[in-house]
Amino acid sequence: MKKPELLNRNEAADYISVKPQTLSVWATTGRYGLPFIKVGRKVFYRREELDQFLDTRTSTQTQ
């Protein structure tokens, strides 16, 4: 079984081109329901879940 790649909040924010504070707000408000792992005070995101999140945000036209 392959171990999932974990990114800390700064790495995850960089990966999806937002600020770390934005991910913090999303985690607090549940705005996008982006899953994260919390170990003590540390927060991690699975790269595959970030990819899935980006896939769900892909569109072909503006609303």
N, C-alpha and C. Protein backbone atom coordinates (compact mmCIF):
# COMPACT_ATOMS: atom_id res chain seq x y z
N MET A 1 0.85 -1.18 0.00
CA MET A 1 0.00 0.00 0.00
C MET A 1 0.89 1.25 0.00
N LYS A 2 0.62 2.14 -0.91
CA LYS A 2 1.40 3.37 -1.03
C LYS A 2 0.95 4.39 0.02
N LYS A 3 1.91 4.95 0.72
CA LYS A 3 1.64 5.96 1.74
C LYS A 3 1.27 7.28 1.04
N PRO A 4 0.16 7.93 1.44
CA PRO A 4 -0.22 9.19 0.78
C PRO A 4 0.79 10.30 1.08
N GLU A 5 1.00 11.13 0.07
CA GLU A 5 1.91 12.26 0.25
C GLU A 5 1.19 13.36 1.02
N LEU A 6 1.78 13.77 2.13
CA LEU A 6 1.21 14.81 2.96
C LEU A 6 1.97 16.12 2.77
N LEU A 7 1.22 17.20 2.67
CA LEU A 7 1.80 18.54 2.55
C LEU A 7 1.37 19.35 3.76
N ASN A 8 2.28 20.14 4.31
CA ASN A 8 1.87 21.02 5.40
C ASN A 8 1.05 22.17 4.80
N ARG A 9 0.51 23.01 5.65
CA ARG A 9 -0.38 24.07 5.16
C ARG A 9 0.31 25.00 4.17
N ASN A 10 1.55 25.37 4.42
CA ASN A 10 2.27 26.26 3.50
C ASN A 10 2.48 25.58 2.15
N GLU A 11 2.88 24.32 2.17
CA GLU A 11 3.10 23.58 0.92
C GLU A 11 1.79 23.39 0.15
N ALA A 12 0.72 23.07 0.89
CA ALA A 12 -0.58 22.87 0.25
C ALA A 12 -1.08 24.17 -0.38
N ALA A 13 -0.92 25.27 0.33
CA ALA A 13 -1.34 26.57 -0.19
C ALA A 13 -0.59 26.90 -1.47
N ASP A 14 0.71 26.67 -1.46
CA ASP A 14 1.53 26.91 -2.64
C ASP A 14 1.07 26.00 -3.79
N TYR A 15 0.77 24.77 -3.48
CA TYR A 15 0.36 23.78 -4.49
C TYR A 15 -0.91 24.21 -5.23
N ILE A 16 -1.87 24.79 -4.48
CA ILE A 16 -3.13 25.21 -5.13
C ILE A 16 -3.20 26.72 -5.36
N SER A 17 -2.09 27.40 -5.16
CA SER A 17 -1.95 28.84 -5.46
C SER A 17 -2.88 29.74 -4.65
N VAL A 18 -2.94 29.48 -3.35
CA VAL A 18 -3.63 30.37 -2.43
C VAL A 18 -2.70 30.66 -1.27
N LYS A 19 -3.08 31.57 -0.40
CA LYS A 19 -2.28 31.87 0.79
C LYS A 19 -2.59 30.86 1.89
N PRO A 20 -1.61 30.57 2.75
CA PRO A 20 -1.87 29.67 3.87
C PRO A 20 -3.04 30.14 4.75
N GLN A 21 -3.19 31.45 4.89
CA GLN A 21 -4.29 31.99 5.68
C GLN A 21 -5.65 31.63 5.07
N THR A 22 -5.68 31.55 3.75
CA THR A 22 -6.91 31.17 3.07
C THR A 22 -7.30 29.75 3.44
N LEU A 23 -6.34 28.83 3.43
CA LEU A 23 -6.63 27.46 3.83
C LEU A 23 -7.09 27.40 5.29
N SER A 24 -6.50 28.24 6.12
CA SER A 24 -6.90 28.29 7.53
C SER A 24 -8.36 28.73 7.67
N VAL A 25 -8.74 29.75 6.92
CA VAL A 25 -10.13 30.24 6.95
C VAL A 25 -11.07 29.15 6.43
N TRP A 26 -10.71 28.50 5.33
CA TRP A 26 -11.55 27.43 4.79
C TRP A 26 -11.73 26.31 5.80
N ALA A 27 -10.65 25.97 6.53
CA ALA A 27 -10.73 24.91 7.53
C ALA A 27 -11.65 25.32 8.68
N THR A 28 -11.58 26.58 9.07
CA THR A 28 -12.38 27.07 10.18
C THR A 28 -13.86 27.17 9.81
N THR A 29 -14.13 27.66 8.60
CA THR A 29 -15.52 27.89 8.19
C THR A 29 -16.14 26.69 7.48
N GLY A 30 -15.32 25.76 7.02
CA GLY A 30 -15.83 24.62 6.25
C GLY A 30 -16.30 25.03 4.87
N ARG A 31 -15.82 26.14 4.37
CA ARG A 31 -16.32 26.71 3.12
C ARG A 31 -16.32 25.73 1.95
N TYR A 32 -15.22 25.02 1.74
CA TYR A 32 -15.14 24.09 0.62
C TYR A 32 -15.11 22.64 1.06
N GLY A 33 -15.09 22.38 2.33
CA GLY A 33 -15.05 21.01 2.81
C GLY A 33 -13.77 20.29 2.41
N LEU A 34 -12.68 21.03 2.27
CA LEU A 34 -11.40 20.45 1.90
C LEU A 34 -10.85 19.69 3.09
N PRO A 35 -10.68 18.37 2.97
CA PRO A 35 -10.22 17.58 4.12
C PRO A 35 -8.79 17.92 4.52
N PHE A 36 -8.53 17.88 5.82
CA PHE A 36 -7.18 18.08 6.33
C PHE A 36 -6.97 17.17 7.51
N ILE A 37 -5.71 16.97 7.85
CA ILE A 37 -5.34 16.11 8.97
C ILE A 37 -4.69 17.00 10.01
N LYS A 38 -5.15 16.90 11.24
CA LYS A 38 -4.56 17.70 12.30
C LYS A 38 -3.89 16.79 13.32
N VAL A 39 -2.60 17.02 13.55
CA VAL A 39 -1.83 16.27 14.53
C VAL A 39 -1.24 17.29 15.49
N GLY A 40 -1.84 17.38 16.65
CA GLY A 40 -1.44 18.44 17.58
C GLY A 40 -1.79 19.78 16.95
N ARG A 41 -0.81 20.64 16.81
CA ARG A 41 -1.03 21.94 16.16
C ARG A 41 -0.70 21.92 14.68
N LYS A 42 -0.15 20.81 14.22
CA LYS A 42 0.24 20.71 12.81
C LYS A 42 -0.94 20.29 11.95
N VAL A 43 -1.00 20.86 10.76
CA VAL A 43 -2.07 20.57 9.81
C VAL A 43 -1.44 20.08 8.51
N PHE A 44 -2.02 19.00 7.97
CA PHE A 44 -1.51 18.41 6.74
C PHE A 44 -2.66 18.18 5.77
N TYR A 45 -2.33 18.18 4.49
CA TYR A 45 -3.29 17.90 3.43
C TYR A 45 -2.71 16.80 2.56
N ARG A 46 -3.57 15.88 2.11
CA ARG A 46 -3.14 14.85 1.18
C ARG A 46 -3.11 15.44 -0.23
N ARG A 47 -2.00 15.22 -0.94
CA ARG A 47 -1.86 15.76 -2.29
C ARG A 47 -3.01 15.27 -3.18
N GLU A 48 -3.39 14.01 -3.07
CA GLU A 48 -4.45 13.47 -3.93
C GLU A 48 -5.79 14.17 -3.66
N GLU A 49 -6.04 14.56 -2.40
CA GLU A 49 -7.28 15.28 -2.10
C GLU A 49 -7.22 16.72 -2.62
N LEU A 50 -6.05 17.31 -2.63
CA LEU A 50 -5.90 18.64 -3.24
C LEU A 50 -6.16 18.55 -4.74
N ASP A 51 -5.66 17.49 -5.38
CA ASP A 51 -5.91 17.30 -6.81
C ASP A 51 -7.40 17.12 -7.07
N GLN A 52 -8.08 16.34 -6.22
CA GLN A 52 -9.53 16.15 -6.37
C GLN A 52 -10.26 17.47 -6.19
N PHE A 53 -9.84 18.26 -5.22
CA PHE A 53 -10.45 19.57 -4.99
C PHE A 53 -10.32 20.44 -6.24
N LEU A 54 -9.12 20.47 -6.82
CA LEU A 54 -8.92 21.26 -8.04
C LEU A 54 -9.77 20.74 -9.18
N ASP A 55 -9.90 19.43 -9.29
CA ASP A 55 -10.75 18.85 -10.34
C ASP A 55 -12.20 19.30 -10.20
N THR A 56 -12.69 19.39 -8.96
CA THR A 56 -14.09 19.80 -8.75
C THR A 56 -14.29 21.29 -9.03
N ARG A 57 -13.20 22.05 -9.02
CA ARG A 57 -13.29 23.49 -9.27
C ARG A 57 -13.09 23.83 -10.74
N THR A 58 -12.86 22.82 -11.57
CA THR A 58 -12.64 23.03 -13.00
C THR A 58 -13.97 23.25 -13.71
N SER A 59 -14.03 24.28 -14.54
CA SER A 59 -15.27 24.56 -15.26
C SER A 59 -14.95 25.02 -16.68
N THR A 60 -15.95 25.03 -17.52
CA THR A 60 -15.77 25.43 -18.91
C THR A 60 -16.39 26.77 -19.21
N GLN A 61 -17.11 27.34 -18.25
CA GLN A 61 -17.69 28.67 -18.43
C GLN A 61 -17.91 29.32 -17.09
N THR A 62 -18.05 30.64 -17.09
CA THR A 62 -18.31 31.35 -15.84
C THR A 62 -19.81 31.28 -15.56
N GLN A 63 -20.15 31.41 -14.32
CA GLN A 63 -21.56 31.36 -13.92
C GLN A 63 -22.20 32.72 -14.04
